[in-house]
């Protein structure tokens, strides 16, 4: 009697587990990746520029640097650059030491440095703005970065194209396997979509007008899409 009870319990447990096991099995599907790339000319740029001043004392270096940066800011204002598009990016005052290999190096002077980042919303003004900065006394112009202001909208367009690309690939696989596509079961975006970081370009300190080539910025989106599949004719 006891053995019959144990056998019945085991059969009952198996019957209960069978539907649960079936529910955990993933449905037949095809998973593919879709890609879309959009290349457009940039419509805004950033220029990093600054002035460096050397003097015997910290105060003299700081005052000379403040005067030089003031001249730079006035030149940008005269070039119709909005104050909101000019931001201080680095400010420093450091002692300068004489070379001395036999012991502690004495302080022989001070160096003050002030750098600003200038954002331009008109790409054709990049070259002339660099010339303005150099003409106003900028001692360093480290580079230019280009970007796209409406990148979010362009990325949304690319997302739609990426899903369409994924469906195109899935239909090819489905036809080759003798099945048809059902509803999409899942869509995920791979990586971190978005424009490339500001593309930097070195800038020379030549007296002649500065040549600038803006090129294009590339936006890319990759998605992974899973589709349910079923036998053809179902």
Foldseek 3Di string as FASTA:
>chain_A
DVVVVVVVVVVVVVVVVVVVVVVPDDFAKDKDKFKFKDKDFFQKKKWKFKAKAKDQEQVVQVVVRVVLVVLLVVLVVVVVQDPVQKAKDDWDKAFDFDDDDPDDTDTRIMMIMTMIMGMDRGVVCPQVSLLSNLVSPTPDIFWMFTDHDPFVVVVVVRVVNRVVRRVVVRQVVQVVVQKDWDAWPDKDWPDDWTWDGGDTDGWDSDNPGTDDDRGIIMTMTMMMIMTRIGHPPD
